[in-house]
């Protein structure tokens, strides 16, 4: 199978490229300003906001499947328009599409979110991810749309944020609940969906719901660091408008996939 990973230089995209090569796929990965650096991956530069360039690359590569992971926080053109252009190009090439979305499109509530619930964004990034989903599903109803949570693992921005907070350089919120997922688990789940016929929305997240502050404590324990200096606050205290309690119910994915979605306590166990 020939697989195109759009956003192959990102944290998840690079892992999808790596696991795809290990699985025997012929993998092409795109980058914009970074590097992919995965042996066996053909790297191609791409600006996903350039519709003509996206269409041309997909027509040239002629992939059997496309994994779409592009996003840039605060950049509507990359996150929303880019996803739409990737979907258009994949559909035009007759390629299977797996689009990676986010729990950030939910507002937050005390009850976990099921797979098929409509977006309720409360900030610009969530609105962009919601718009991306809308475009993808309109262009290709057969696409799989993966809603995931905080992605952890060595090299994760989430883990680095925790380390920064432990060093007093950042603040972790105690009122933001998420369901972190390990990057290798998520990549394997995405690749399972690539070779499946699953269509529509699917929550793919870990089973453990923790606050960002709790995640910081887990990182401290994992790294053998003193947690006494961990800086925490609440979204309410800062005045920021952010999704708070966003727990994803991944029971459907757990039943559907062979990949075991580990909880963050297990992932970060010493």
C-alpha atoms as a PDB file:
ATOM      1  CA  UNK A   1       0.000   0.000   0.000  1.00  0.00           C
ATOM      2  CA  UNK A   2       1.191   3.505  -0.845  1.00  0.00           C
ATOM      3  CA  UNK A   3       0.484   5.851   2.071  1.00  0.00           C
ATOM      4  CA  UNK A   4       0.687   9.640   2.058  1.00  0.00           C
ATOM      5  CA  UNK A   5       1.013  11.258   5.493  1.00  0.00           C
ATOM      6  CA  UNK A   6       0.201  14.963   5.291  1.00  0.00           C
ATOM      7  CA  UNK A   7       1.930  16.605   8.230  1.00  0.00           C
ATOM      8  CA  UNK A   8       4.593  13.917   8.433  1.00  0.00           C
ATOM      9  CA  UNK A   9       7.002  16.178  10.308  1.00  0.00           C
ATOM     10  CA  UNK A  10       4.602  16.637  13.225  1.00  0.00           C
ATOM     11  CA  UNK A  11       4.732  14.577  16.411  1.00  0.00           C
ATOM     12  CA  UNK A  12       1.917  12.213  15.413  1.00  0.00           C
ATOM     13  CA  UNK A  13       2.632  12.358  11.675  1.00  0.00           C
ATOM     14  CA  UNK A  14       6.244  11.270  12.185  1.00  0.00           C
ATOM     15  CA  UNK A  15       5.111   8.306  14.286  1.00  0.00           C
ATOM     16  CA  UNK A  16       2.519   7.307  11.650  1.00  0.00           C
ATOM     17  CA  UNK A  17       5.317   7.426   9.057  1.00  0.00           C
ATOM     18  CA  UNK A  18       7.599   5.301  11.244  1.00  0.00           C
ATOM     19  CA  UNK A  19       4.962   2.707  12.076  1.00  0.00           C
ATOM     20  CA  UNK A  20       3.788   2.664   8.459  1.00  0.00           C
ATOM     21  CA  UNK A  21       7.287   1.805   7.228  1.00  0.00           C
ATOM     22  CA  UNK A  22       7.524  -0.906   9.900  1.00  0.00           C
ATOM     23  CA  UNK A  23       4.216  -2.326   8.647  1.00  0.00           C
ATOM     24  CA  UNK A  24       5.566  -2.585   5.105  1.00  0.00           C
ATOM     25  CA  UNK A  25       3.786   0.408   3.567  1.00  0.00           C
ATOM     26  CA  UNK A  26       5.407   2.599   0.938  1.00  0.00           C
ATOM     27  CA  UNK A  27       5.278   5.919   2.790  1.00  0.00           C
ATOM     28  CA  UNK A  28       5.468   9.482   1.520  1.00  0.00           C
ATOM     29  CA  UNK A  29       5.405  12.157   4.214  1.00  0.00           C
ATOM     30  CA  UNK A  30       4.988  15.901   3.817  1.00  0.00           C
ATOM     31  CA  UNK A  31       6.661  18.685   5.755  1.00  0.00           C
ATOM     32  CA  UNK A  32       6.506  22.460   5.641  1.00  0.00           C
ATOM     33  CA  UNK A  33       9.379  23.864   7.666  1.00  0.00           C
ATOM     34  CA  UNK A  34      10.585  20.961   9.794  1.00  0.00           C
ATOM     35  CA  UNK A  35      12.025  17.564   9.008  1.00  0.00           C
ATOM     36  CA  UNK A  36      10.581  14.059   9.002  1.00  0.00           C
ATOM     37  CA  UNK A  37      13.834  12.178   9.503  1.00  0.00           C
ATOM     38  CA  UNK A  38      12.331   8.689   9.322  1.00  0.00           C
ATOM     39  CA  UNK A  39      14.342   6.128   7.321  1.00  0.00           C
ATOM     40  CA  UNK A  40      12.390   4.727   4.402  1.00  0.00           C
ATOM     41  CA  UNK A  41      10.041   7.714   4.111  1.00  0.00           C
ATOM     42  CA  UNK A  42      10.052   9.831   0.954  1.00  0.00           C
ATOM     43  CA  UNK A  43       9.810  13.413   2.234  1.00  0.00           C
ATOM     44  CA  UNK A  44       8.058  16.093   0.205  1.00  0.00           C
ATOM     45  CA  UNK A  45       7.633  19.756   1.075  1.00  0.00           C
ATOM     46  CA  UNK A  46       4.009  20.955   1.014  1.00  0.00           C
ATOM     47  CA  UNK A  47       2.081  24.075   1.968  1.00  0.00           C
ATOM     48  CA  UNK A  48      -1.388  22.753   2.786  1.00  0.00           C
ATOM     49  CA  UNK A  49      -2.899  26.222   2.379  1.00  0.00           C
ATOM     50  CA  UNK A  50      -2.009  26.066  -1.344  1.00  0.00           C
ATOM     51  CA  UNK A  51      -4.915  24.131  -2.842  1.00  0.00           C
ATOM     52  CA  UNK A  52      -3.248  23.679  -6.231  1.00  0.00           C
ATOM     53  CA  UNK A  53      -0.077  22.350  -4.606  1.00  0.00           C
ATOM     54  CA  UNK A  54      -2.034  19.838  -2.520  1.00  0.00           C
ATOM     55  CA  UNK A  55      -3.962  18.591  -5.561  1.00  0.00           C
ATOM     56  CA  UNK A  56      -0.767  18.352  -7.627  1.00  0.00           C
ATOM     57  CA  UNK A  57       1.154  16.399  -4.989  1.00  0.00           C
ATOM     58  CA  UNK A  58      -1.630  13.873  -4.432  1.00  0.00           C
ATOM     59  CA  UNK A  59      -2.051  13.436  -8.185  1.00  0.00           C
ATOM     60  CA  UNK A  60       1.695  12.811  -8.481  1.00  0.00           C
ATOM     61  CA  UNK A  61       2.034  10.436  -5.523  1.00  0.00           C
ATOM     62  CA  UNK A  62      -1.169   8.528  -6.344  1.00  0.00           C
ATOM     63  CA  UNK A  63      -1.599   7.153  -2.816  1.00  0.00           C
ATOM     64  CA  UNK A  64      -3.922   4.332  -1.883  1.00  0.00           C
ATOM     65  CA  UNK A  65      -4.560   6.099   1.406  1.00  0.00           C
ATOM     66  CA  UNK A  66      -3.996   9.515   2.955  1.00  0.00           C
ATOM     67  CA  UNK A  67      -3.588  10.349   6.645  1.00  0.00           C
ATOM     68  CA  UNK A  68      -4.292  14.022   7.311  1.00  0.00           C
ATOM     69  CA  UNK A  69      -2.675  15.485  10.445  1.00  0.00           C
ATOM     70  CA  UNK A  70      -1.950  19.119   9.533  1.00  0.00           C
ATOM     71  CA  UNK A  71      -2.762  21.821  12.074  1.00  0.00           C
ATOM     72  CA  UNK A  72      -1.276  24.989  13.463  1.00  0.00           C
ATOM     73  CA  UNK A  73      -2.708  26.497  16.622  1.00  0.00           C
ATOM     74  CA  UNK A  74      -4.195  29.888  15.811  1.00  0.00           C
ATOM     75  CA  UNK A  75      -3.963  29.375  12.047  1.00  0.00           C
ATOM     76  CA  UNK A  76      -7.356  28.798  10.429  1.00  0.00           C
ATOM     77  CA  UNK A  77      -5.902  28.406   6.941  1.00  0.00           C
ATOM     78  CA  UNK A  78      -3.708  25.457   7.948  1.00  0.00           C
ATOM     79  CA  UNK A  79      -6.128  23.753  10.337  1.00  0.00           C
ATOM     80  CA  UNK A  80      -9.428  24.183   8.494  1.00  0.00           C
ATOM     81  CA  UNK A  81      -8.719  25.081   4.862  1.00  0.00           C
ATOM     82  CA  UNK A  82      -5.741  22.732   4.691  1.00  0.00           C
ATOM     83  CA  UNK A  83      -7.854  19.806   5.870  1.00  0.00           C
ATOM     84  CA  UNK A  84     -10.473  20.608   3.238  1.00  0.00           C
ATOM     85  CA  UNK A  85      -7.865  20.704   0.453  1.00  0.00           C
ATOM     86  CA  UNK A  86      -6.413  17.370   1.566  1.00  0.00           C
ATOM     87  CA  UNK A  87      -9.892  15.828   1.561  1.00  0.00           C
ATOM     88  CA  UNK A  88     -10.615  17.172  -1.920  1.00  0.00           C
ATOM     89  CA  UNK A  89      -7.331  15.843  -3.253  1.00  0.00           C
ATOM     90  CA  UNK A  90      -7.756  12.416  -1.645  1.00  0.00           C
ATOM     91  CA  UNK A  91     -11.297  12.098  -2.959  1.00  0.00           C
ATOM     92  CA  UNK A  92     -10.142  13.107  -6.428  1.00  0.00           C
ATOM     93  CA  UNK A  93      -7.491  10.391  -6.352  1.00  0.00           C
ATOM     94  CA  UNK A  94      -9.882   7.768  -4.997  1.00  0.00           C
ATOM     95  CA  UNK A  95      -7.716   7.374  -1.897  1.00  0.00           C
ATOM     96  CA  UNK A  96      -8.872   6.213   1.521  1.00  0.00           C
ATOM     97  CA  UNK A  97      -8.773   9.152   3.968  1.00  0.00           C
ATOM     98  CA  UNK A  98      -8.166   9.139   7.720  1.00  0.00           C
ATOM     99  CA  UNK A  99      -8.419  12.652   9.149  1.00  0.00           C
ATOM    100  CA  UNK A 100      -7.123  13.382  12.650  1.00  0.00           C
ATOM    101  CA  UNK A 101      -9.289  15.747  14.676  1.00  0.00           C
ATOM    102  CA  UNK A 102      -9.265  16.859  18.319  1.00  0.00           C
ATOM    103  CA  UNK A 103     -11.252  16.973  21.538  1.00  0.00           C
ATOM    104  CA  UNK A 104     -10.655  20.751  21.467  1.00  0.00           C
ATOM    105  CA  UNK A 105     -13.848  21.160  19.421  1.00  0.00           C
ATOM    106  CA  UNK A 106     -15.954  20.326  22.498  1.00  0.00           C
ATOM    107  CA  UNK A 107     -16.914  22.913  25.134  1.00  0.00           C
ATOM    108  CA  UNK A 108     -16.555  20.587  28.115  1.00  0.00           C
ATOM    109  CA  UNK A 109     -19.133  19.095  30.503  1.00  0.00           C
ATOM    110  CA  UNK A 110     -19.335  16.608  33.407  1.00  0.00           C
ATOM    111  CA  UNK A 111     -20.435  13.738  31.112  1.00  0.00           C
ATOM    112  CA  UNK A 112     -18.022  12.060  28.650  1.00  0.00           C
ATOM    113  CA  UNK A 113     -18.515  12.738  24.938  1.00  0.00           C
ATOM    114  CA  UNK A 114     -19.639   9.928  22.636  1.00  0.00           C
ATOM    115  CA  UNK A 115     -18.191   9.538  19.141  1.00  0.00           C
ATOM    116  CA  UNK A 116     -20.981  11.151  17.140  1.00  0.00           C
ATOM    117  CA  UNK A 117     -21.719  14.254  19.195  1.00  0.00           C
ATOM    118  CA  UNK A 118     -21.692  17.582  17.312  1.00  0.00           C
ATOM    119  CA  UNK A 119     -18.924  20.089  17.986  1.00  0.00           C
ATOM    120  CA  UNK A 120     -19.481  22.856  20.529  1.00  0.00           C
ATOM    121  CA  UNK A 121     -16.310  24.956  20.219  1.00  0.00           C
ATOM    122  CA  UNK A 122     -15.597  27.761  22.659  1.00  0.00           C
ATOM    123  CA  UNK A 123     -12.373  29.099  21.155  1.00  0.00           C
ATOM    124  CA  UNK A 124     -10.891  29.718  17.710  1.00  0.00           C
ATOM    125  CA  UNK A 125      -8.816  26.550  17.546  1.00  0.00           C
ATOM    126  CA  UNK A 126     -11.812  24.391  18.411  1.00  0.00           C
ATOM    127  CA  UNK A 127     -13.848  26.182  15.749  1.00  0.00           C
ATOM    128  CA  UNK A 128     -11.122  25.522  13.166  1.00  0.00           C
ATOM    129  CA  UNK A 129     -11.041  21.810  14.031  1.00  0.00           C
ATOM    130  CA  UNK A 130     -14.843  21.695  13.807  1.00  0.00           C
ATOM    131  CA  UNK A 131     -14.746  23.377  10.393  1.00  0.00           C
ATOM    132  CA  UNK A 132     -12.107  20.873   9.252  1.00  0.00           C
ATOM    133  CA  UNK A 133     -14.346  17.967  10.258  1.00  0.00           C
ATOM    134  CA  UNK A 134     -17.325  19.500   8.483  1.00  0.00           C
ATOM    135  CA  UNK A 135     -15.352  19.903   5.263  1.00  0.00           C
ATOM    136  CA  UNK A 136     -13.867  16.401   5.391  1.00  0.00           C
ATOM    137  CA  UNK A 137     -17.215  14.720   6.015  1.00  0.00           C
ATOM    138  CA  UNK A 138     -18.920  16.760   3.290  1.00  0.00           C
ATOM    139  CA  UNK A 139     -16.242  15.964   0.716  1.00  0.00           C
ATOM    140  CA  UNK A 140     -15.779  12.309   1.672  1.00  0.00           C
ATOM    141  CA  UNK A 141     -18.514  10.667   3.772  1.00  0.00           C
ATOM    142  CA  UNK A 142     -16.481   7.457   3.715  1.00  0.00           C
ATOM    143  CA  UNK A 143     -13.525   9.012   5.507  1.00  0.00           C
ATOM    144  CA  UNK A 144     -12.615   8.033   9.054  1.00  0.00           C
ATOM    145  CA  UNK A 145     -12.426  11.056  11.364  1.00  0.00           C
ATOM    146  CA  UNK A 146     -10.412  10.418  14.517  1.00  0.00           C
ATOM    147  CA  UNK A 147     -11.080  12.605  17.531  1.00  0.00           C
ATOM    148  CA  UNK A 148      -8.214  12.344  19.954  1.00  0.00           C
ATOM    149  CA  UNK A 149      -6.929  14.045  23.098  1.00  0.00           C
ATOM    150  CA  UNK A 150      -3.551  15.131  24.472  1.00  0.00           C
ATOM    151  CA  UNK A 151      -0.849  13.116  22.704  1.00  0.00           C
ATOM    152  CA  UNK A 152       1.960  12.024  25.015  1.00  0.00           C
ATOM    153  CA  UNK A 153       5.297  10.275  24.588  1.00  0.00           C
ATOM    154  CA  UNK A 154       8.914  11.361  24.456  1.00  0.00           C
ATOM    155  CA  UNK A 155       9.107  14.510  22.358  1.00  0.00           C
ATOM    156  CA  UNK A 156       5.484  15.467  23.051  1.00  0.00           C
ATOM    157  CA  UNK A 157       4.679  19.145  23.511  1.00  0.00           C
ATOM    158  CA  UNK A 158       2.391  18.093  26.355  1.00  0.00           C
ATOM    159  CA  UNK A 159       5.223  16.373  28.211  1.00  0.00           C
ATOM    160  CA  UNK A 160       7.542  19.333  27.633  1.00  0.00           C
ATOM    161  CA  UNK A 161       4.882  21.701  28.995  1.00  0.00           C
ATOM    162  CA  UNK A 162       4.740  19.594  32.166  1.00  0.00           C
ATOM    163  CA  UNK A 163       8.522  19.718  32.508  1.00  0.00           C
ATOM    164  CA  UNK A 164       8.451  23.483  32.018  1.00  0.00           C
ATOM    165  CA  UNK A 165       5.821  23.808  34.753  1.00  0.00           C
ATOM    166  CA  UNK A 166       7.912  21.657  37.087  1.00  0.00           C
ATOM    167  CA  UNK A 167      10.799  24.050  36.449  1.00  0.00           C
ATOM    168  CA  UNK A 168       8.583  27.080  37.120  1.00  0.00           C
ATOM    169  CA  UNK A 169       8.515  28.215  33.484  1.00  0.00           C
ATOM    170  CA  UNK A 170       4.845  27.414  32.744  1.00  0.00           C
ATOM    171  CA  UNK A 171       1.498  26.882  34.459  1.00  0.00           C
ATOM    172  CA  UNK A 172      -0.691  23.777  34.349  1.00  0.00           C
ATOM    173  CA  UNK A 173      -4.446  24.072  34.877  1.00  0.00           C
ATOM    174  CA  UNK A 174      -6.078  21.923  37.523  1.00  0.00           C
ATOM    175  CA  UNK A 175      -9.579  22.306  36.060  1.00  0.00           C
ATOM    176  CA  UNK A 176      -8.879  21.006  32.524  1.00  0.00           C
ATOM    177  CA  UNK A 177      -9.595  17.275  32.252  1.00  0.00           C
ATOM    178  CA  UNK A 178      -8.411  15.278  29.240  1.00  0.00           C
ATOM    179  CA  UNK A 179      -7.835  11.638  28.253  1.00  0.00           C
ATOM    180  CA  UNK A 180      -4.185  11.505  27.120  1.00  0.00           C
ATOM    181  CA  UNK A 181      -3.132   8.895  24.567  1.00  0.00           C
ATOM    182  CA  UNK A 182       0.304   7.530  23.786  1.00  0.00           C
ATOM    183  CA  UNK A 183       1.603   8.545  20.354  1.00  0.00           C
ATOM    184  CA  UNK A 184       2.470   4.974  19.338  1.00  0.00           C
ATOM    185  CA  UNK A 185      -0.981   3.704  20.342  1.00  0.00           C
ATOM    186  CA  UNK A 186      -2.630   6.489  18.365  1.00  0.00           C
ATOM    187  CA  UNK A 187      -0.433   5.932  15.316  1.00  0.00           C
ATOM    188  CA  UNK A 188      -1.200   2.207  15.331  1.00  0.00           C
ATOM    189  CA  UNK A 189      -4.914   2.939  15.634  1.00  0.00           C
ATOM    190  CA  UNK A 190      -4.741   5.348  12.685  1.00  0.00           C
ATOM    191  CA  UNK A 191      -2.968   2.739  10.558  1.00  0.00           C
ATOM    192  CA  UNK A 192      -5.609   0.160  11.467  1.00  0.00           C
ATOM    193  CA  UNK A 193      -8.249   2.582  10.216  1.00  0.00           C
ATOM    194  CA  UNK A 194      -6.269   3.149   7.008  1.00  0.00           C
ATOM    195  CA  UNK A 195      -6.820  -0.485   5.994  1.00  0.00           C
ATOM    196  CA  UNK A 196     -10.400  -0.644   7.316  1.00  0.00           C
ATOM    197  CA  UNK A 197     -13.679   0.542   5.843  1.00  0.00           C
ATOM    198  CA  UNK A 198     -14.776   2.452   8.952  1.00  0.00           C
ATOM    199  CA  UNK A 199     -16.546   5.694   8.054  1.00  0.00           C
ATOM    200  CA  UNK A 200     -17.403   8.624  10.292  1.00  0.00           C
ATOM    201  CA  UNK A 201     -16.371   9.866  13.711  1.00  0.00           C
ATOM    202  CA  UNK A 202     -14.368   7.808  16.175  1.00  0.00           C
ATOM    203  CA  UNK A 203     -13.005   8.790  19.576  1.00  0.00           C
ATOM    204  CA  UNK A 204      -9.480   7.416  20.001  1.00  0.00           C
ATOM    205  CA  UNK A 205      -8.107   8.410  23.399  1.00  0.00           C
ATOM    206  CA  UNK A 206      -6.789   6.835  26.561  1.00  0.00           C
ATOM    207  CA  UNK A 207      -9.082   5.534  29.311  1.00  0.00           C
ATOM    208  CA  UNK A 208      -7.613   7.695  32.105  1.00  0.00           C
ATOM    209  CA  UNK A 209      -9.108  11.167  32.616  1.00  0.00           C
ATOM    210  CA  UNK A 210      -6.598  13.493  34.280  1.00  0.00           C
ATOM    211  CA  UNK A 211      -6.163  17.220  34.686  1.00  0.00           C
ATOM    212  CA  UNK A 212      -3.136  18.917  33.182  1.00  0.00           C
ATOM    213  CA  UNK A 213      -1.866  19.436  36.731  1.00  0.00           C
ATOM    214  CA  UNK A 214      -2.229  15.715  37.446  1.00  0.00           C
ATOM    215  CA  UNK A 215      -0.365  14.990  34.222  1.00  0.00           C
ATOM    216  CA  UNK A 216       2.439  17.173  35.519  1.00  0.00           C
ATOM    217  CA  UNK A 217       2.648  15.076  38.690  1.00  0.00           C
ATOM    218  CA  UNK A 218       2.801  11.890  36.619  1.00  0.00           C
ATOM    219  CA  UNK A 219       5.639  13.327  34.546  1.00  0.00           C
ATOM    220  CA  UNK A 220       7.471  14.311  37.731  1.00  0.00           C
ATOM    221  CA  UNK A 221       7.174  10.768  39.065  1.00  0.00           C
ATOM    222  CA  UNK A 222       8.235   9.293  35.704  1.00  0.00           C
ATOM    223  CA  UNK A 223      11.278  11.563  35.448  1.00  0.00           C
ATOM    224  CA  UNK A 224      12.204  11.313  39.126  1.00  0.00           C
ATOM    225  CA  UNK A 225      11.724  15.054  39.626  1.00  0.00           C
ATOM    226  CA  UNK A 226      10.629  16.979  42.709  1.00  0.00           C
ATOM    227  CA  UNK A 227       7.030  18.094  42.175  1.00  0.00           C
ATOM    228  CA  UNK A 228       7.167  20.736  44.904  1.00  0.00           C
ATOM    229  CA  UNK A 229       7.797  23.511  42.405  1.00  0.00           C
ATOM    230  CA  UNK A 230       4.969  22.565  40.042  1.00  0.00           C
ATOM    231  CA  UNK A 231       3.094  25.724  39.065  1.00  0.00           C
ATOM    232  CA  UNK A 232      -0.682  25.276  38.776  1.00  0.00           C
ATOM    233  CA  UNK A 233      -3.740  27.474  38.403  1.00  0.00           C
ATOM    234  CA  UNK A 234      -7.242  27.314  36.946  1.00  0.00           C
ATOM    235  CA  UNK A 235      -8.593  28.542  33.654  1.00  0.00           C
ATOM    236  CA  UNK A 236     -11.187  30.530  35.599  1.00  0.00           C
ATOM    237  CA  UNK A 237      -8.484  32.336  37.572  1.00  0.00           C
ATOM    238  CA  UNK A 238      -6.627  33.348  34.415  1.00  0.00           C
ATOM    239  CA  UNK A 239      -9.777  34.503  32.618  1.00  0.00           C
ATOM    240  CA  UNK A 240      -8.982  32.335  29.589  1.00  0.00           C
ATOM    241  CA  UNK A 241     -11.872  30.793  27.638  1.00  0.00           C
ATOM    242  CA  UNK A 242     -10.922  27.152  27.210  1.00  0.00           C
ATOM    243  CA  UNK A 243     -12.696  23.777  27.165  1.00  0.00           C
ATOM    244  CA  UNK A 244     -12.606  22.336  30.681  1.00  0.00           C
ATOM    245  CA  UNK A 245     -13.910  18.820  31.407  1.00  0.00           C
ATOM    246  CA  UNK A 246     -13.506  17.098  28.024  1.00  0.00           C
ATOM    247  CA  UNK A 247     -13.496  13.340  28.439  1.00  0.00           C
ATOM    248  CA  UNK A 248     -13.818  11.178  25.336  1.00  0.00           C
ATOM    249  CA  UNK A 249     -15.675   7.861  25.538  1.00  0.00           C
ATOM    250  CA  UNK A 250     -13.510   5.564  23.396  1.00  0.00           C
ATOM    251  CA  UNK A 251     -15.525   2.381  23.974  1.00  0.00           C
ATOM    252  CA  UNK A 252     -16.325   2.069  20.258  1.00  0.00           C
ATOM    253  CA  UNK A 253     -12.650   2.264  19.284  1.00  0.00           C
ATOM    254  CA  UNK A 254     -11.707  -0.216  22.018  1.00  0.00           C
ATOM    255  CA  UNK A 255     -14.183  -2.727  20.597  1.00  0.00           C
ATOM    256  CA  UNK A 256     -13.283  -2.032  16.961  1.00  0.00           C
ATOM    257  CA  UNK A 257      -9.481  -1.913  17.035  1.00  0.00           C
ATOM    258  CA  UNK A 258      -6.797  -4.469  17.866  1.00  0.00           C
ATOM    259  CA  UNK A 259      -4.583  -1.683  19.210  1.00  0.00           C
ATOM    260  CA  UNK A 260      -4.853  -1.379  22.987  1.00  0.00           C
ATOM    261  CA  UNK A 261      -5.281   2.238  24.043  1.00  0.00           C
ATOM    262  CA  UNK A 262      -3.303   2.477  27.247  1.00  0.00           C
ATOM    263  CA  UNK A 263      -4.100   4.878  30.051  1.00  0.00           C
ATOM    264  CA  UNK A 264      -1.618   7.612  30.866  1.00  0.00           C
ATOM    265  CA  UNK A 265      -0.857   6.083  34.266  1.00  0.00           C
ATOM    266  CA  UNK A 266       0.405   2.964  32.488  1.00  0.00           C
ATOM    267  CA  UNK A 267       2.214   4.923  29.777  1.00  0.00           C
ATOM    268  CA  UNK A 268       4.131   7.020  32.301  1.00  0.00           C
ATOM    269  CA  UNK A 269       4.741   4.270  34.843  1.00  0.00           C
ATOM    270  CA  UNK A 270       8.414   4.091  35.821  1.00  0.00           C
END
